[in-house]
C-alpha atoms as a PDB file:
ATOM      1  CA  UNK A   1      99.101 107.018  64.830  1.00  0.00           C
ATOM      2  CA  UNK A   2      98.056 107.871  61.309  1.00  0.00           C
ATOM      3  CA  UNK A   3      94.779 107.915  59.482  1.00  0.00           C
ATOM      4  CA  UNK A   4      96.193 105.385  57.018  1.00  0.00           C
ATOM      5  CA  UNK A   5      97.499 103.045  59.729  1.00  0.00           C
ATOM      6  CA  UNK A   6      96.756  99.528  58.488  1.00  0.00           C
ATOM      7  CA  UNK A   7      96.196  98.306  62.058  1.00  0.00           C
ATOM      8  CA  UNK A   8      93.724 101.075  62.823  1.00  0.00           C
ATOM      9  CA  UNK A   9      90.613  98.872  62.954  1.00  0.00           C
ATOM     10  CA  UNK A  10      92.264  96.385  65.305  1.00  0.00           C
ATOM     11  CA  UNK A  11      93.385  99.160  67.617  1.00  0.00           C
ATOM     12  CA  UNK A  12      89.824 100.440  67.734  1.00  0.00           C
ATOM     13  CA  UNK A  13      88.625  96.928  68.606  1.00  0.00           C
ATOM     14  CA  UNK A  14      91.156  96.808  71.447  1.00  0.00           C
ATOM     15  CA  UNK A  15      90.024 100.196  72.744  1.00  0.00           C
ATOM     16  CA  UNK A  16      86.406  99.044  72.709  1.00  0.00           C
ATOM     17  CA  UNK A  17      87.358  95.863  74.534  1.00  0.00           C
ATOM     18  CA  UNK A  18      88.967  97.997  77.242  1.00  0.00           C
ATOM     19  CA  UNK A  19      85.801 100.044  77.608  1.00  0.00           C
ATOM     20  CA  UNK A  20      83.673  96.891  77.825  1.00  0.00           C
ATOM     21  CA  UNK A  21      85.990  95.488  80.515  1.00  0.00           C
ATOM     22  CA  UNK A  22      86.011  98.706  82.552  1.00  0.00           C
ATOM     23  CA  UNK A  23      89.618  99.543  81.655  1.00  0.00           C
ATOM     24  CA  UNK A  24      90.965 102.981  80.822  1.00  0.00           C
ATOM     25  CA  UNK A  25      92.651 102.694  77.404  1.00  0.00           C
ATOM     26  CA  UNK A  26      95.888 104.397  76.384  1.00  0.00           C
ATOM     27  CA  UNK A  27      96.725 104.457  72.695  1.00  0.00           C
ATOM     28  CA  UNK A  28     100.258 103.933  71.351  1.00  0.00           C
ATOM     29  CA  UNK A  29     102.112 104.107  74.649  1.00  0.00           C
ATOM     30  CA  UNK A  30     105.821 104.737  74.165  1.00  0.00           C
ATOM     31  CA  UNK A  31     108.193 102.306  75.860  1.00  0.00           C
ATOM     32  CA  UNK A  32     111.473 103.993  76.737  1.00  0.00           C
ATOM     33  CA  UNK A  33     114.768 102.530  77.842  1.00  0.00           C
ATOM     34  CA  UNK A  34     114.995 101.762  81.554  1.00  0.00           C
ATOM     35  CA  UNK A  35     118.703 102.669  81.416  1.00  0.00           C
ATOM     36  CA  UNK A  36     119.139 106.446  81.493  1.00  0.00           C
ATOM     37  CA  UNK A  37     122.784 107.020  80.544  1.00  0.00           C
ATOM     38  CA  UNK A  38     122.263 109.492  77.698  1.00  0.00           C
ATOM     39  CA  UNK A  39     120.864 113.008  77.447  1.00  0.00           C
ATOM     40  CA  UNK A  40     117.989 111.968  75.197  1.00  0.00           C
ATOM     41  CA  UNK A  41     115.149 109.645  76.116  1.00  0.00           C
ATOM     42  CA  UNK A  42     115.399 106.585  73.880  1.00  0.00           C
ATOM     43  CA  UNK A  43     112.151 105.055  72.641  1.00  0.00           C
ATOM     44  CA  UNK A  44     112.429 101.286  72.253  1.00  0.00           C
ATOM     45  CA  UNK A  45     108.973 100.475  70.890  1.00  0.00           C
ATOM     46  CA  UNK A  46     105.349 101.246  71.622  1.00  0.00           C
ATOM     47  CA  UNK A  47     102.311  99.427  72.943  1.00  0.00           C
ATOM     48  CA  UNK A  48      99.466  99.672  70.459  1.00  0.00           C
ATOM     49  CA  UNK A  49      96.825  99.818  73.203  1.00  0.00           C
ATOM     50  CA  UNK A  50      97.299  99.600  76.950  1.00  0.00           C
ATOM     51  CA  UNK A  51      94.333  99.157  79.287  1.00  0.00           C
ATOM     52  CA  UNK A  52      94.655  99.937  82.987  1.00  0.00           C
ATOM     53  CA  UNK A  53      92.490  99.177  85.980  1.00  0.00           C
ATOM     54  CA  UNK A  54      93.044  99.516  89.713  1.00  0.00           C
ATOM     55  CA  UNK A  55      93.842  96.643  92.059  1.00  0.00           C
ATOM     56  CA  UNK A  56      92.771  96.723  95.694  1.00  0.00           C
ATOM     57  CA  UNK A  57      96.243  97.753  96.857  1.00  0.00           C
ATOM     58  CA  UNK A  58      96.334 100.675  94.411  1.00  0.00           C
ATOM     59  CA  UNK A  59      98.644  99.114  91.855  1.00  0.00           C
ATOM     60  CA  UNK A  60      97.701  99.402  88.214  1.00  0.00           C
ATOM     61  CA  UNK A  61      96.658  96.203  86.476  1.00  0.00           C
ATOM     62  CA  UNK A  62      98.023  96.591  82.955  1.00  0.00           C
ATOM     63  CA  UNK A  63      96.807  94.732  79.878  1.00  0.00           C
ATOM     64  CA  UNK A  64      98.604  95.233  76.575  1.00  0.00           C
ATOM     65  CA  UNK A  65      97.176  94.738  73.104  1.00  0.00           C
ATOM     66  CA  UNK A  66      99.476  94.083  70.150  1.00  0.00           C
ATOM     67  CA  UNK A  67      97.641  94.725  66.880  1.00  0.00           C
ATOM     68  CA  UNK A  68      99.044  93.370  63.626  1.00  0.00           C
ATOM     69  CA  UNK A  69      96.959  92.938  60.501  1.00  0.00           C
ATOM     70  CA  UNK A  70     100.038  91.827  58.554  1.00  0.00           C
ATOM     71  CA  UNK A  71     100.723  88.108  58.206  1.00  0.00           C
ATOM     72  CA  UNK A  72     104.480  88.487  57.724  1.00  0.00           C
ATOM     73  CA  UNK A  73     105.142  87.152  61.229  1.00  0.00           C
ATOM     74  CA  UNK A  74     103.444  83.988  62.406  1.00  0.00           C
ATOM     75  CA  UNK A  75     101.015  84.353  65.325  1.00  0.00           C
ATOM     76  CA  UNK A  76     103.127  82.296  67.713  1.00  0.00           C
ATOM     77  CA  UNK A  77     106.261  84.326  66.921  1.00  0.00           C
ATOM     78  CA  UNK A  78     104.254  87.464  67.588  1.00  0.00           C
ATOM     79  CA  UNK A  79     103.164  85.946  70.877  1.00  0.00           C
ATOM     80  CA  UNK A  80     106.828  85.378  71.855  1.00  0.00           C
ATOM     81  CA  UNK A  81     107.600  89.033  71.058  1.00  0.00           C
ATOM     82  CA  UNK A  82     104.590  90.282  73.005  1.00  0.00           C
ATOM     83  CA  UNK A  83     105.445  88.083  75.982  1.00  0.00           C
ATOM     84  CA  UNK A  84     108.855  89.755  76.144  1.00  0.00           C
ATOM     85  CA  UNK A  85     107.290  93.200  75.958  1.00  0.00           C
ATOM     86  CA  UNK A  86     104.766  92.284  78.647  1.00  0.00           C
ATOM     87  CA  UNK A  87     107.575  91.193  80.933  1.00  0.00           C
ATOM     88  CA  UNK A  88     109.727  94.259  80.197  1.00  0.00           C
ATOM     89  CA  UNK A  89     107.013  96.744  81.176  1.00  0.00           C
ATOM     90  CA  UNK A  90     105.652  94.537  83.977  1.00  0.00           C
ATOM     91  CA  UNK A  91     102.219  94.217  82.415  1.00  0.00           C
ATOM     92  CA  UNK A  92      99.858  91.638  83.865  1.00  0.00           C
ATOM     93  CA  UNK A  93      98.351  90.191  80.690  1.00  0.00           C
ATOM     94  CA  UNK A  94      98.522  90.547  76.931  1.00  0.00           C
ATOM     95  CA  UNK A  95      96.460  90.078  73.792  1.00  0.00           C
ATOM     96  CA  UNK A  96      97.673  89.703  70.222  1.00  0.00           C
ATOM     97  CA  UNK A  97      95.230  90.580  67.440  1.00  0.00           C
ATOM     98  CA  UNK A  98      96.385  89.109  64.142  1.00  0.00           C
ATOM     99  CA  UNK A  99      95.052  89.230  60.621  1.00  0.00           C
ATOM    100  CA  UNK A 100      95.243  85.447  60.334  1.00  0.00           C
ATOM    101  CA  UNK A 101      93.882  82.626  62.447  1.00  0.00           C
ATOM    102  CA  UNK A 102      96.096  80.778  64.887  1.00  0.00           C
ATOM    103  CA  UNK A 103      96.100  77.053  65.473  1.00  0.00           C
ATOM    104  CA  UNK A 104      94.682  75.861  68.787  1.00  0.00           C
ATOM    105  CA  UNK A 105      98.088  74.451  69.744  1.00  0.00           C
ATOM    106  CA  UNK A 106      99.705  77.840  69.226  1.00  0.00           C
ATOM    107  CA  UNK A 107      96.958  79.585  71.184  1.00  0.00           C
ATOM    108  CA  UNK A 108      97.452  77.200  74.106  1.00  0.00           C
ATOM    109  CA  UNK A 109     101.214  77.673  73.958  1.00  0.00           C
ATOM    110  CA  UNK A 110     100.727  81.449  74.004  1.00  0.00           C
ATOM    111  CA  UNK A 111      98.514  81.183  77.084  1.00  0.00           C
ATOM    112  CA  UNK A 112     101.469  79.620  78.918  1.00  0.00           C
ATOM    113  CA  UNK A 113     103.203  82.978  78.380  1.00  0.00           C
ATOM    114  CA  UNK A 114     100.080  84.868  79.549  1.00  0.00           C
ATOM    115  CA  UNK A 115      99.403  85.987  75.982  1.00  0.00           C
ATOM    116  CA  UNK A 116      95.965  85.539  74.413  1.00  0.00           C
ATOM    117  CA  UNK A 117      96.169  85.010  70.632  1.00  0.00           C
ATOM    118  CA  UNK A 118      93.197  86.098  68.523  1.00  0.00           C
ATOM    119  CA  UNK A 119      92.081  86.977  65.051  1.00  0.00           C
ATOM    120  CA  UNK A 120      89.376  89.621  64.676  1.00  0.00           C
ATOM    121  CA  UNK A 121      86.500  87.137  64.728  1.00  0.00           C
ATOM    122  CA  UNK A 122      87.594  85.305  67.876  1.00  0.00           C
ATOM    123  CA  UNK A 123      88.420  88.581  69.628  1.00  0.00           C
ATOM    124  CA  UNK A 124      84.969  89.953  68.783  1.00  0.00           C
ATOM    125  CA  UNK A 125      83.399  86.799  70.217  1.00  0.00           C
ATOM    126  CA  UNK A 126      85.460  87.261  73.383  1.00  0.00           C
ATOM    127  CA  UNK A 127      84.314  90.864  73.658  1.00  0.00           C
ATOM    128  CA  UNK A 128      80.690  89.770  73.437  1.00  0.00           C
ATOM    129  CA  UNK A 129      81.203  87.665  76.540  1.00  0.00           C
ATOM    130  CA  UNK A 130      81.725  90.974  78.357  1.00  0.00           C
ATOM    131  CA  UNK A 131      79.117  93.005  76.507  1.00  0.00           C
ATOM    132  CA  UNK A 132      76.497  91.463  74.184  1.00  0.00           C
ATOM    133  CA  UNK A 133      76.587  94.507  71.878  1.00  0.00           C
ATOM    134  CA  UNK A 134      80.387  94.464  71.455  1.00  0.00           C
ATOM    135  CA  UNK A 135      81.965  96.006  69.419  1.00  0.00           C
ATOM    136  CA  UNK A 136      79.128  98.540  69.084  1.00  0.00           C
ATOM    137  CA  UNK A 137      80.228 100.542  72.109  1.00  0.00           C
ATOM    138  CA  UNK A 138      78.824 104.055  72.491  1.00  0.00           C
ATOM    139  CA  UNK A 139      81.464 106.386  73.967  1.00  0.00           C
ATOM    140  CA  UNK A 140      83.728 109.180  72.820  1.00  0.00           C
ATOM    141  CA  UNK A 141      86.687 106.894  73.465  1.00  0.00           C
ATOM    142  CA  UNK A 142      85.235 104.150  71.245  1.00  0.00           C
ATOM    143  CA  UNK A 143      86.170 105.962  68.026  1.00  0.00           C
ATOM    144  CA  UNK A 144      89.816 105.983  67.034  1.00  0.00           C
ATOM    145  CA  UNK A 145      89.093 109.020  64.849  1.00  0.00           C
ATOM    146  CA  UNK A 146      88.413 110.980  68.029  1.00  0.00           C
ATOM    147  CA  UNK A 147      91.750 109.862  69.452  1.00  0.00           C
ATOM    148  CA  UNK A 148      93.346 111.110  66.243  1.00  0.00           C
ATOM    149  CA  UNK A 149      91.632 114.462  66.756  1.00  0.00           C
ATOM    150  CA  UNK A 150      93.180 114.748  70.214  1.00  0.00           C
ATOM    151  CA  UNK A 151      96.583 113.860  68.794  1.00  0.00           C
ATOM    152  CA  UNK A 152      96.082 116.624  66.207  1.00  0.00           C
ATOM    153  CA  UNK A 153      95.383 119.072  69.044  1.00  0.00           C
ATOM    154  CA  UNK A 154      98.734 118.284  70.650  1.00  0.00           C
ATOM    155  CA  UNK A 155     100.520 118.513  67.307  1.00  0.00           C
ATOM    156  CA  UNK A 156      98.995 121.940  66.650  1.00  0.00           C
ATOM    157  CA  UNK A 157     100.083 123.199  70.087  1.00  0.00           C
ATOM    158  CA  UNK A 158     103.759 122.396  70.402  1.00  0.00           C
ATOM    159  CA  UNK A 159     103.946 124.092  73.790  1.00  0.00           C
ATOM    160  CA  UNK A 160     102.020 121.086  75.164  1.00  0.00           C
ATOM    161  CA  UNK A 161     104.702 118.550  74.180  1.00  0.00           C
ATOM    162  CA  UNK A 162     105.956 118.165  77.758  1.00  0.00           C
ATOM    163  CA  UNK A 163     102.486 117.297  78.951  1.00  0.00           C
ATOM    164  CA  UNK A 164     102.004 114.923  76.022  1.00  0.00           C
ATOM    165  CA  UNK A 165     105.188 113.063  76.924  1.00  0.00           C
ATOM    166  CA  UNK A 166     103.973 112.470  80.464  1.00  0.00           C
ATOM    167  CA  UNK A 167     100.635 111.141  79.192  1.00  0.00           C
ATOM    168  CA  UNK A 168     102.188 109.096  76.350  1.00  0.00           C
ATOM    169  CA  UNK A 169     104.474 106.944  78.471  1.00  0.00           C
ATOM    170  CA  UNK A 170     105.233 108.189  81.983  1.00  0.00           C
ATOM    171  CA  UNK A 171     101.729 107.864  83.455  1.00  0.00           C
ATOM    172  CA  UNK A 172     100.618 104.388  82.279  1.00  0.00           C
ATOM    173  CA  UNK A 173     104.029 102.758  82.816  1.00  0.00           C
ATOM    174  CA  UNK A 174     105.114 104.570  85.970  1.00  0.00           C
ATOM    175  CA  UNK A 175     106.972 102.740  88.718  1.00  0.00           C
ATOM    176  CA  UNK A 176     106.740 105.789  90.984  1.00  0.00           C
ATOM    177  CA  UNK A 177     103.410 107.622  90.564  1.00  0.00           C
ATOM    178  CA  UNK A 178     104.477 110.298  93.055  1.00  0.00           C
ATOM    179  CA  UNK A 179     107.349 111.334  90.786  1.00  0.00           C
ATOM    180  CA  UNK A 180     104.999 111.329  87.783  1.00  0.00           C
ATOM    181  CA  UNK A 181     102.539 113.529  89.664  1.00  0.00           C
ATOM    182  CA  UNK A 182     105.304 116.046  90.395  1.00  0.00           C
ATOM    183  CA  UNK A 183     106.429 116.007  86.753  1.00  0.00           C
ATOM    184  CA  UNK A 184     102.888 116.634  85.535  1.00  0.00           C
ATOM    185  CA  UNK A 185     102.661 119.723  87.736  1.00  0.00           C
ATOM    186  CA  UNK A 186     106.081 120.899  86.540  1.00  0.00           C
ATOM    187  CA  UNK A 187     105.090 120.414  82.876  1.00  0.00           C
ATOM    188  CA  UNK A 188     101.819 122.228  83.495  1.00  0.00           C
ATOM    189  CA  UNK A 189     103.643 125.213  85.002  1.00  0.00           C
ATOM    190  CA  UNK A 190     106.027 125.294  82.037  1.00  0.00           C
ATOM    191  CA  UNK A 191     103.077 125.566  79.649  1.00  0.00           C
ATOM    192  CA  UNK A 192     100.952 127.890  81.782  1.00  0.00           C
ATOM    193  CA  UNK A 193     101.296 130.997  79.625  1.00  0.00           C
ATOM    194  CA  UNK A 194      99.825 129.254  76.587  1.00  0.00           C
ATOM    195  CA  UNK A 195      96.509 128.058  77.973  1.00  0.00           C
ATOM    196  CA  UNK A 196      93.390 129.900  76.868  1.00  0.00           C
ATOM    197  CA  UNK A 197      90.340 128.647  78.813  1.00  0.00           C
ATOM    198  CA  UNK A 198      88.005 129.900  76.091  1.00  0.00           C
ATOM    199  CA  UNK A 199      89.472 127.581  73.443  1.00  0.00           C
ATOM    200  CA  UNK A 200      87.859 124.119  73.284  1.00  0.00           C
ATOM    201  CA  UNK A 201      91.113 122.549  72.084  1.00  0.00           C
ATOM    202  CA  UNK A 202      92.919 123.832  75.167  1.00  0.00           C
ATOM    203  CA  UNK A 203      90.152 122.387  77.333  1.00  0.00           C
ATOM    204  CA  UNK A 204      90.737 119.077  75.550  1.00  0.00           C
ATOM    205  CA  UNK A 205      94.349 119.222  76.752  1.00  0.00           C
ATOM    206  CA  UNK A 206      93.525 120.152  80.350  1.00  0.00           C
ATOM    207  CA  UNK A 207      90.922 117.390  80.689  1.00  0.00           C
ATOM    208  CA  UNK A 208      93.430 114.926  79.226  1.00  0.00           C
ATOM    209  CA  UNK A 209      95.928 116.120  81.831  1.00  0.00           C
ATOM    210  CA  UNK A 210      93.277 115.645  84.506  1.00  0.00           C
ATOM    211  CA  UNK A 211      92.632 112.086  83.327  1.00  0.00           C
ATOM    212  CA  UNK A 212      96.345 111.263  83.448  1.00  0.00           C
ATOM    213  CA  UNK A 213      96.723 112.918  86.849  1.00  0.00           C
ATOM    214  CA  UNK A 214      93.904 110.801  88.222  1.00  0.00           C
ATOM    215  CA  UNK A 215      95.734 107.674  87.013  1.00  0.00           C
ATOM    216  CA  UNK A 216      98.862 108.750  88.884  1.00  0.00           C
ATOM    217  CA  UNK A 217      96.685 109.323  91.965  1.00  0.00           C
ATOM    218  CA  UNK A 218      95.216 105.811  92.051  1.00  0.00           C
ATOM    219  CA  UNK A 219      98.038 104.351  94.127  1.00  0.00           C
ATOM    220  CA  UNK A 220      98.759 107.589  95.969  1.00  0.00           C
ATOM    221  CA  UNK A 221      95.233 107.946  97.336  1.00  0.00           C
ATOM    222  CA  UNK A 222      94.951 104.263  98.265  1.00  0.00           C
ATOM    223  CA  UNK A 223      98.287 104.329 100.064  1.00  0.00           C
ATOM    224  CA  UNK A 224      97.254 107.408 102.025  1.00  0.00           C
ATOM    225  CA  UNK A 225      93.877 105.906 102.866  1.00  0.00           C
ATOM    226  CA  UNK A 226      95.522 102.776 104.232  1.00  0.00           C
ATOM    227  CA  UNK A 227      97.859 104.711 106.538  1.00  0.00           C
ATOM    228  CA  UNK A 228      95.350 107.418 107.459  1.00  0.00           C
ATOM    229  CA  UNK A 229      94.477 107.691 111.130  1.00  0.00           C
ATOM    230  CA  UNK A 230      91.183 109.461 111.945  1.00  0.00           C
ATOM    231  CA  UNK A 231      92.863 110.798 115.094  1.00  0.00           C
ATOM    232  CA  UNK A 232      95.375 112.755 112.988  1.00  0.00           C
ATOM    233  CA  UNK A 233      95.199 116.521 113.284  1.00  0.00           C
ATOM    234  CA  UNK A 234      95.704 118.662 110.186  1.00  0.00           C
ATOM    235  CA  UNK A 235      99.366 119.319 110.909  1.00  0.00           C
ATOM    236  CA  UNK A 236     100.136 115.613 111.268  1.00  0.00           C
ATOM    237  CA  UNK A 237      98.273 114.814 108.057  1.00  0.00           C
ATOM    238  CA  UNK A 238     100.172 117.550 106.207  1.00  0.00           C
ATOM    239  CA  UNK A 239     103.532 116.198 107.364  1.00  0.00           C
ATOM    240  CA  UNK A 240     102.559 112.656 106.405  1.00  0.00           C
ATOM    241  CA  UNK A 241     101.445 113.806 102.972  1.00  0.00           C
ATOM    242  CA  UNK A 242     104.526 115.970 102.512  1.00  0.00           C
ATOM    243  CA  UNK A 243     107.013 113.219 103.303  1.00  0.00           C
ATOM    244  CA  UNK A 244     105.061 110.679 101.259  1.00  0.00           C
ATOM    245  CA  UNK A 245     104.923 112.871  98.148  1.00  0.00           C
ATOM    246  CA  UNK A 246     108.678 113.495  98.270  1.00  0.00           C
ATOM    247  CA  UNK A 247     109.597 109.848  98.828  1.00  0.00           C
ATOM    248  CA  UNK A 248     110.222 109.994 102.587  1.00  0.00           C
ATOM    249  CA  UNK A 249     111.457 112.402 105.238  1.00  0.00           C
ATOM    250  CA  UNK A 250     115.122 111.963 104.334  1.00  0.00           C
ATOM    251  CA  UNK A 251     114.517 112.738 100.662  1.00  0.00           C
ATOM    252  CA  UNK A 252     112.492 115.783 101.653  1.00  0.00           C
ATOM    253  CA  UNK A 253     115.189 117.028 104.038  1.00  0.00           C
ATOM    254  CA  UNK A 254     117.860 116.626 101.357  1.00  0.00           C
ATOM    255  CA  UNK A 255     115.813 118.827  99.022  1.00  0.00           C
ATOM    256  CA  UNK A 256     115.455 121.390 101.788  1.00  0.00           C
ATOM    257  CA  UNK A 257     119.206 121.436 102.375  1.00  0.00           C
ATOM    258  CA  UNK A 258     119.941 121.836  98.666  1.00  0.00           C
ATOM    259  CA  UNK A 259     117.426 124.666  98.430  1.00  0.00           C
ATOM    260  CA  UNK A 260     118.889 126.455 101.446  1.00  0.00           C
ATOM    261  CA  UNK A 261     122.326 126.468  99.788  1.00  0.00           C
ATOM    262  CA  UNK A 262     121.013 128.044  96.614  1.00  0.00           C
ATOM    263  CA  UNK A 263     121.106 131.817  96.450  1.00  0.00           C
ATOM    264  CA  UNK A 264     117.919 131.856  94.412  1.00  0.00           C
ATOM    265  CA  UNK A 265     116.081 129.733  96.965  1.00  0.00           C
ATOM    266  CA  UNK A 266     117.648 130.912 100.212  1.00  0.00           C
ATOM    267  CA  UNK A 267     115.222 130.951 103.143  1.00  0.00           C
ATOM    268  CA  UNK A 268     112.522 129.410 100.946  1.00  0.00           C
ATOM    269  CA  UNK A 269     110.696 126.279 102.008  1.00  0.00           C
ATOM    270  CA  UNK A 270     110.519 123.658  99.253  1.00  0.00           C
ATOM    271  CA  UNK A 271     106.888 122.701  98.815  1.00  0.00           C
ATOM    272  CA  UNK A 272     104.675 121.382  96.076  1.00  0.00           C
ATOM    273  CA  UNK A 273     102.821 124.247  94.345  1.00  0.00           C
ATOM    274  CA  UNK A 274      99.526 125.391  95.892  1.00  0.00           C
ATOM    275  CA  UNK A 275     100.193 123.180  98.886  1.00  0.00           C
ATOM    276  CA  UNK A 276      97.046 124.090 100.899  1.00  0.00           C
ATOM    277  CA  UNK A 277      94.886 123.207  97.894  1.00  0.00           C
ATOM    278  CA  UNK A 278      96.695 119.897  97.448  1.00  0.00           C
ATOM    279  CA  UNK A 279      96.154 119.041 101.118  1.00  0.00           C
ATOM    280  CA  UNK A 280      92.446 119.791 100.800  1.00  0.00           C
ATOM    281  CA  UNK A 281      92.143 117.783  97.589  1.00  0.00           C
ATOM    282  CA  UNK A 282      93.890 114.738  99.060  1.00  0.00           C
ATOM    283  CA  UNK A 283      91.704 114.949 102.133  1.00  0.00           C
ATOM    284  CA  UNK A 284      88.587 114.808  99.965  1.00  0.00           C
ATOM    285  CA  UNK A 285      89.737 111.784  97.963  1.00  0.00           C
ATOM    286  CA  UNK A 286      90.422 109.733 101.090  1.00  0.00           C
ATOM    287  CA  UNK A 287      86.661 109.268 101.418  1.00  0.00           C
ATOM    288  CA  UNK A 288      86.501 107.160  98.233  1.00  0.00           C
ATOM    289  CA  UNK A 289      89.876 106.285  96.668  1.00  0.00           C
ATOM    290  CA  UNK A 290      88.140 103.579  94.644  1.00  0.00           C
ATOM    291  CA  UNK A 291      86.380 106.287  92.616  1.00  0.00           C
ATOM    292  CA  UNK A 292      89.601 107.676  91.131  1.00  0.00           C
ATOM    293  CA  UNK A 293      89.626 105.414  88.055  1.00  0.00           C
ATOM    294  CA  UNK A 294      86.047 106.435  87.228  1.00  0.00           C
ATOM    295  CA  UNK A 295      87.209 110.052  87.321  1.00  0.00           C
ATOM    296  CA  UNK A 296      90.059 109.288  84.923  1.00  0.00           C
ATOM    297  CA  UNK A 297      87.693 107.611  82.455  1.00  0.00           C
ATOM    298  CA  UNK A 298      85.173 110.474  82.608  1.00  0.00           C
ATOM    299  CA  UNK A 299      87.828 113.154  82.097  1.00  0.00           C
ATOM    300  CA  UNK A 300      89.181 111.271  79.068  1.00  0.00           C
ATOM    301  CA  UNK A 301      85.682 111.224  77.604  1.00  0.00           C
ATOM    302  CA  UNK A 302      85.362 114.981  78.077  1.00  0.00           C
ATOM    303  CA  UNK A 303      88.820 115.566  76.603  1.00  0.00           C
ATOM    304  CA  UNK A 304      87.944 113.681  73.408  1.00  0.00           C
ATOM    305  CA  UNK A 305      84.612 115.499  73.287  1.00  0.00           C
ATOM    306  CA  UNK A 306      86.376 118.862  73.212  1.00  0.00           C
ATOM    307  CA  UNK A 307      88.946 117.621  70.696  1.00  0.00           C
ATOM    308  CA  UNK A 308      86.493 116.182  68.190  1.00  0.00           C
ATOM    309  CA  UNK A 309      83.127 117.831  68.833  1.00  0.00           C
ATOM    310  CA  UNK A 310      80.082 116.708  70.789  1.00  0.00           C
ATOM    311  CA  UNK A 311      77.131 114.551  69.819  1.00  0.00           C
ATOM    312  CA  UNK A 312      73.794 114.476  71.723  1.00  0.00           C
ATOM    313  CA  UNK A 313      73.742 110.683  72.110  1.00  0.00           C
ATOM    314  CA  UNK A 314      77.234 110.461  73.582  1.00  0.00           C
ATOM    315  CA  UNK A 315      76.596 113.506  75.776  1.00  0.00           C
ATOM    316  CA  UNK A 316      73.497 111.817  77.178  1.00  0.00           C
ATOM    317  CA  UNK A 317      75.480 108.665  77.971  1.00  0.00           C
ATOM    318  CA  UNK A 318      78.236 110.711  79.565  1.00  0.00           C
ATOM    319  CA  UNK A 319      75.653 112.573  81.639  1.00  0.00           C
ATOM    320  CA  UNK A 320      74.227 109.259  82.858  1.00  0.00           C
ATOM    321  CA  UNK A 321      77.711 108.126  83.793  1.00  0.00           C
ATOM    322  CA  UNK A 322      78.437 111.258  85.816  1.00  0.00           C
ATOM    323  CA  UNK A 323      75.093 111.020  87.600  1.00  0.00           C
ATOM    324  CA  UNK A 324      75.619 107.372  88.527  1.00  0.00           C
ATOM    325  CA  UNK A 325      79.148 107.972  89.823  1.00  0.00           C
ATOM    326  CA  UNK A 326      78.522 110.328  92.692  1.00  0.00           C
ATOM    327  CA  UNK A 327      82.143 111.225  93.371  1.00  0.00           C
ATOM    328  CA  UNK A 328      83.300 111.848  89.813  1.00  0.00           C
ATOM    329  CA  UNK A 329      82.127 115.445  89.484  1.00  0.00           C
ATOM    330  CA  UNK A 330      83.175 116.317  93.045  1.00  0.00           C
ATOM    331  CA  UNK A 331      86.687 114.919  92.662  1.00  0.00           C
ATOM    332  CA  UNK A 332      87.120 116.320  89.134  1.00  0.00           C
ATOM    333  CA  UNK A 333      86.114 119.825  90.189  1.00  0.00           C
ATOM    334  CA  UNK A 334      88.532 119.616  93.129  1.00  0.00           C
ATOM    335  CA  UNK A 335      91.393 118.411  90.918  1.00  0.00           C
ATOM    336  CA  UNK A 336      90.616 121.123  88.360  1.00  0.00           C
ATOM    337  CA  UNK A 337      90.916 123.710  91.111  1.00  0.00           C
ATOM    338  CA  UNK A 338      94.230 122.296  92.271  1.00  0.00           C
ATOM    339  CA  UNK A 339      95.734 122.036  88.771  1.00  0.00           C
ATOM    340  CA  UNK A 340      94.637 125.600  88.000  1.00  0.00           C
ATOM    341  CA  UNK A 341      96.340 126.954  91.099  1.00  0.00           C
ATOM    342  CA  UNK A 342      99.241 124.519  91.205  1.00  0.00           C
ATOM    343  CA  UNK A 343      99.932 125.011  87.498  1.00  0.00           C
ATOM    344  CA  UNK A 344      99.475 128.778  87.831  1.00  0.00           C
ATOM    345  CA  UNK A 345      96.919 128.690  85.008  1.00  0.00           C
ATOM    346  CA  UNK A 346      94.446 131.496  84.247  1.00  0.00           C
ATOM    347  CA  UNK A 347      91.736 131.582  86.926  1.00  0.00           C
ATOM    348  CA  UNK A 348      89.096 131.266  84.208  1.00  0.00           C
ATOM    349  CA  UNK A 349      90.352 127.716  83.612  1.00  0.00           C
ATOM    350  CA  UNK A 350      88.888 126.575  86.924  1.00  0.00           C
ATOM    351  CA  UNK A 351      85.553 128.188  86.075  1.00  0.00           C
ATOM    352  CA  UNK A 352      85.470 126.531  82.640  1.00  0.00           C
ATOM    353  CA  UNK A 353      86.249 123.127  84.160  1.00  0.00           C
ATOM    354  CA  UNK A 354      83.470 123.536  86.716  1.00  0.00           C
ATOM    355  CA  UNK A 355      80.991 124.796  84.118  1.00  0.00           C
ATOM    356  CA  UNK A 356      81.756 121.820  81.872  1.00  0.00           C
ATOM    357  CA  UNK A 357      81.318 119.255  84.622  1.00  0.00           C
ATOM    358  CA  UNK A 358      78.152 120.791  86.054  1.00  0.00           C
ATOM    359  CA  UNK A 359      76.589 121.147  82.579  1.00  0.00           C
ATOM    360  CA  UNK A 360      76.004 117.400  82.238  1.00  0.00           C
END
């Protein structure tokens, strides 16, 4: 993403459409090769904007937006390309925003591929069917300049590159959210010595991490809620959670055996970091797994606020959002506590997260 990106306005329109539709937007999501036979991760292309929402079974509903102001490729050819990308990443629907109008025949043909072809005018009209004021959406996420500010934060703090990689492609395109959750914690622990809770830019990173972690938790929490038995005692719940997070009892036992054969890990029990805190956090979220997406959206707002600076109007709207979503602050504070302890971050980080959330 660059400030001179010729598709910048269209990407901002797509982001605002996501917000109007209740989707959490991701900007410029990297698509990597599904075949891992080399040492380096190979980037195939990127999705200009990806919007995610939660289905009842916990799966992510993914909508991709391909933004092209150039008229070098015809709209229908762009629709063919986008249809292939949609299929490759298992997205559910797709939009193409072009700089030129498409014929009605081409638009109907694109719909057969689950691709919605639009120019800016028709896309704006579609957005107004969701929100009469579209595209005049008031939110920190609604400005692509604020997204650029967050990208600048990551660029200025190279130690956060591992976290950025997880957020840029692993989280929104994950087939196994449990593995992504574990990688986020591992990346957080690798960067732990660099976090300064008193720096707003570092708070922008941690709230972005929280938003991404919540996305990975959408399916996890709904799966656990569906298999949860109120008659479970704490020990039984812990074992269920433990085996689930490691991909089953056999996978967990294999890790235990490998650890027991390592001199460095002899007699150590392989466990996710800050396990008691994770158990408590998961127990809390079982009360309302449907609130997890709201938490992800709120944390992204706060992240962009720290990255680009606050404004009274947007703060007031964010405050209203947090007040109307009763679980958002509770769950976010609990996740902040877990990430602080699980990531071995400075203890002041938890206090800054709490102070931020309770200030609205």
